[in-house]
Amino acid sequence: MPIDENRTFLPVAIAVLTVSDTRTEADDRSGDTLVERLQTAGHQLASRAIVKDDAGLIAAQFQTWIDNPDIDCIIATGGTGVTGRDVTPEALDRVCEKKIPGFGELFRWVSYQKIASSTIQSRADAGVAKGTYLFVLPGSTGACRDGWDEILIHQLDNRFRPCNFVELMPRLQER
């Protein structure tokens, strides 16, 4: 992928949310994967939390971070399947002002290369709220690696050409 080395890297302040009824800080491998990757890329971990599979609790955590001017981006992992407890996309819908449908589409295309038609069960999604990017990934460590390594590492790097999400940040709240 083309990185313009003439541009200075701009770190992004990223919050990581794990959605799970069973994971704890001690065994949150998916959250750990995202934190390791974002920090290795030079970004700042702004906050981290684990929330139960409850749309109201998830939306409340999203909103808390959206309202925090020190957080540019939220990456959530978990709760994107089709079972009754999978409600992270619905929580995203509660707070989102604009959807980014291409993120979920691209994620499923990337995922298809590895897990074939099983990717159809993923409801990976993304959007923007009050100038904050929100990305929702499945809860597996493989899905977190794919989402970061194939999409987010590039789109959250202002040097990525021909365009990226970071260069749009100053304009997200234009009216």
Protein backbone atom coordinates (compact mmCIF):
# COMPACT_ATOMS: atom_id res chain seq x y z
CA MET A 1 0.00 0.00 0.00
CA PRO A 2 1.33 3.43 -0.87
CA ILE A 3 2.63 5.42 2.10
CA ASP A 4 3.79 8.96 1.38
CA GLU A 5 7.00 9.18 3.43
CA ASN A 6 7.09 12.95 2.83
CA ARG A 7 4.15 13.39 5.20
CA THR A 8 4.61 13.38 8.97
CA PHE A 9 2.72 10.58 10.76
CA LEU A 10 -0.16 11.84 12.92
CA PRO A 11 -1.07 9.52 15.81
CA VAL A 12 -4.77 8.91 16.39
CA ALA A 13 -6.28 8.59 19.90
CA ILE A 14 -8.16 5.29 19.83
CA ALA A 15 -10.48 3.70 22.40
CA VAL A 16 -10.91 -0.08 22.35
CA LEU A 17 -14.18 -1.66 23.48
CA THR A 18 -14.62 -5.39 23.96
CA VAL A 19 -18.23 -6.56 23.98
CA SER A 20 -18.60 -9.83 25.86
CA ASP A 21 -20.54 -11.50 28.65
CA THR A 22 -17.58 -13.73 29.50
CA ARG A 23 -14.26 -11.98 28.81
CA THR A 24 -12.23 -10.20 31.46
CA GLU A 25 -9.10 -8.07 31.31
CA ALA A 26 -7.10 -11.24 31.99
CA ASP A 27 -8.37 -13.13 28.92
CA ASP A 28 -9.41 -10.44 26.43
CA ARG A 29 -7.15 -11.61 23.58
CA SER A 30 -9.06 -9.68 20.90
CA GLY A 31 -8.81 -6.41 22.81
CA ASP A 32 -5.14 -7.14 23.49
CA THR A 33 -4.58 -7.75 19.77
CA LEU A 34 -6.08 -4.39 18.82
CA VAL A 35 -4.17 -2.52 21.53
CA GLU A 36 -0.85 -4.11 20.53
CA ARG A 37 -1.40 -3.33 16.86
CA LEU A 38 -2.54 0.26 17.29
CA GLN A 39 0.34 1.06 19.64
CA THR A 40 2.90 -0.65 17.37
CA ALA A 41 1.58 1.52 14.51
CA GLY A 42 2.29 4.63 16.63
CA HIS A 43 -1.24 5.47 17.76
CA GLN A 44 -2.33 6.29 21.31
CA LEU A 45 -4.60 4.04 23.37
CA ALA A 46 -7.02 6.64 24.72
CA SER A 47 -9.20 4.26 26.74
CA ARG A 48 -10.21 0.63 27.02
CA ALA A 49 -13.27 -1.12 28.43
CA ILE A 50 -15.18 -4.39 28.47
CA VAL A 51 -18.98 -4.16 28.33
CA LYS A 52 -21.63 -6.88 28.50
CA ASP A 53 -23.70 -7.80 25.42
CA ASP A 54 -26.39 -5.22 26.10
CA ALA A 55 -27.24 -2.62 23.45
CA GLY A 56 -27.96 0.08 26.03
CA LEU A 57 -24.65 -0.43 27.84
CA ILE A 58 -22.71 -0.56 24.57
CA ALA A 59 -24.38 2.59 23.23
CA ALA A 60 -23.72 4.37 26.55
CA GLN A 61 -20.01 3.51 26.36
CA PHE A 62 -19.89 4.64 22.74
CA GLN A 63 -21.57 7.92 23.72
CA THR A 64 -19.20 8.54 26.63
CA TRP A 65 -16.22 8.21 24.30
CA ILE A 66 -17.90 10.15 21.47
CA ASP A 67 -18.43 13.04 23.91
CA ASN A 68 -14.74 12.96 24.93
CA PRO A 69 -12.81 15.40 22.70
CA ASP A 70 -9.59 13.48 23.42
CA ILE A 71 -10.85 10.38 21.56
CA ASP A 72 -10.72 10.36 17.75
CA CYS A 73 -11.75 6.78 17.06
CA ILE A 74 -13.44 3.81 18.72
CA ILE A 75 -12.80 0.21 17.72
CA ALA A 76 -15.22 -2.32 19.20
CA THR A 77 -14.78 -6.08 19.04
CA GLY A 78 -17.53 -8.60 19.66
CA GLY A 79 -21.29 -8.85 19.40
CA THR A 80 -21.46 -8.67 15.59
CA GLY A 81 -22.92 -12.09 14.85
CA VAL A 82 -26.54 -13.08 14.36
CA THR A 83 -27.39 -14.66 17.72
CA GLY A 84 -29.82 -13.09 20.15
CA ARG A 85 -27.05 -11.58 22.31
CA ASP A 86 -25.20 -10.02 19.34
CA VAL A 87 -26.31 -6.38 19.51
CA THR A 88 -23.22 -4.26 18.84
CA PRO A 89 -24.39 -3.10 15.37
CA GLU A 90 -27.73 -2.07 16.90
CA ALA A 91 -25.88 -0.09 19.58
CA LEU A 92 -23.84 1.57 16.83
CA ASP A 93 -27.08 2.55 15.08
CA ARG A 94 -28.24 4.33 18.26
CA VAL A 95 -25.29 6.75 18.24
CA CYS A 96 -24.20 6.92 14.60
CA GLU A 97 -24.81 10.02 12.49
CA LYS A 98 -23.38 8.64 9.24
CA LYS A 99 -22.69 5.04 8.33
CA ILE A 100 -19.59 3.90 6.43
CA PRO A 101 -21.02 0.85 4.63
CA GLY A 102 -17.82 0.25 2.68
CA PHE A 103 -16.02 -0.79 5.87
CA GLY A 104 -18.26 -3.79 6.50
CA GLU A 105 -18.26 -4.69 2.84
CA LEU A 106 -14.47 -4.56 2.64
CA PHE A 107 -14.08 -6.44 5.92
CA ARG A 108 -16.25 -9.29 4.63
CA TRP A 109 -14.29 -9.37 1.36
CA VAL A 110 -11.00 -9.62 3.30
CA SER A 111 -12.51 -12.22 5.60
CA TYR A 112 -13.85 -14.25 2.68
CA GLN A 113 -10.28 -14.83 1.51
CA LYS A 114 -9.63 -16.69 4.80
CA ILE A 115 -12.89 -18.21 6.00
CA ALA A 116 -14.90 -18.39 2.76
CA SER A 117 -18.67 -18.13 3.04
CA SER A 118 -18.57 -18.17 6.87
CA THR A 119 -17.93 -14.43 6.62
CA ILE A 120 -21.62 -13.96 5.83
CA GLN A 121 -22.30 -14.29 9.56
CA SER A 122 -20.35 -11.08 10.29
CA ARG A 123 -22.13 -7.79 10.73
CA ALA A 124 -18.93 -5.73 10.90
CA ASP A 125 -19.90 -2.09 10.55
CA ALA A 126 -18.65 1.48 10.89
CA GLY A 127 -19.83 5.04 11.17
CA VAL A 128 -19.17 8.55 12.39
CA ALA A 129 -20.71 10.41 15.34
CA LYS A 130 -19.79 13.97 16.38
CA GLY A 131 -16.47 13.73 14.55
CA THR A 132 -15.52 10.35 16.07
CA TYR A 133 -14.99 7.27 13.92
CA LEU A 134 -16.57 4.04 15.15
CA PHE A 135 -15.55 0.61 13.84
CA VAL A 136 -17.26 -2.62 14.89
CA LEU A 137 -15.38 -5.89 14.37
CA PRO A 138 -16.21 -9.50 15.22
CA GLY A 139 -14.86 -10.82 18.52
CA SER A 140 -12.32 -13.33 17.24
CA THR A 141 -8.63 -12.46 17.35
CA GLY A 142 -8.38 -13.42 13.67
CA ALA A 143 -11.10 -10.94 12.75
CA CYS A 144 -9.37 -8.22 14.78
CA ARG A 145 -6.07 -8.95 13.04
CA ASP A 146 -7.76 -8.87 9.62
CA GLY A 147 -9.67 -5.67 10.36
CA TRP A 148 -6.56 -3.90 11.61
CA ASP A 149 -3.90 -5.34 9.29
CA GLU A 150 -5.90 -5.11 6.08
CA ILE A 151 -8.02 -1.98 6.58
CA LEU A 152 -7.59 0.16 9.68
CA ILE A 153 -3.79 0.37 9.73
CA HIS A 154 -4.02 2.06 6.34
CA GLN A 155 -7.11 4.20 6.79
CA LEU A 156 -5.92 5.50 10.18
CA ASP A 157 -2.54 6.52 8.74
CA ASN A 158 -2.59 10.05 7.33
CA ARG A 159 0.28 9.14 5.00
CA PHE A 160 -1.74 6.45 3.18
CA ARG A 161 -2.48 7.47 -0.40
CA PRO A 162 -4.59 8.25 -2.29
CA CYS A 163 -6.81 9.04 0.74
CA ASN A 164 -7.50 8.05 4.34
CA PHE A 165 -9.89 8.70 7.23
CA VAL A 166 -7.39 10.80 9.19
CA GLU A 167 -7.18 13.60 6.64
CA LEU A 168 -10.98 13.92 6.83
CA MET A 169 -11.06 14.36 10.62
CA PRO A 170 -10.94 18.18 10.57
CA ARG A 171 -13.99 18.20 8.30
CA LEU A 172 -16.19 15.57 9.95
CA GLN A 173 -18.37 18.12 11.73
CA GLU A 174 -18.81 20.52 8.83
CA ARG A 175 -22.35 21.70 8.21
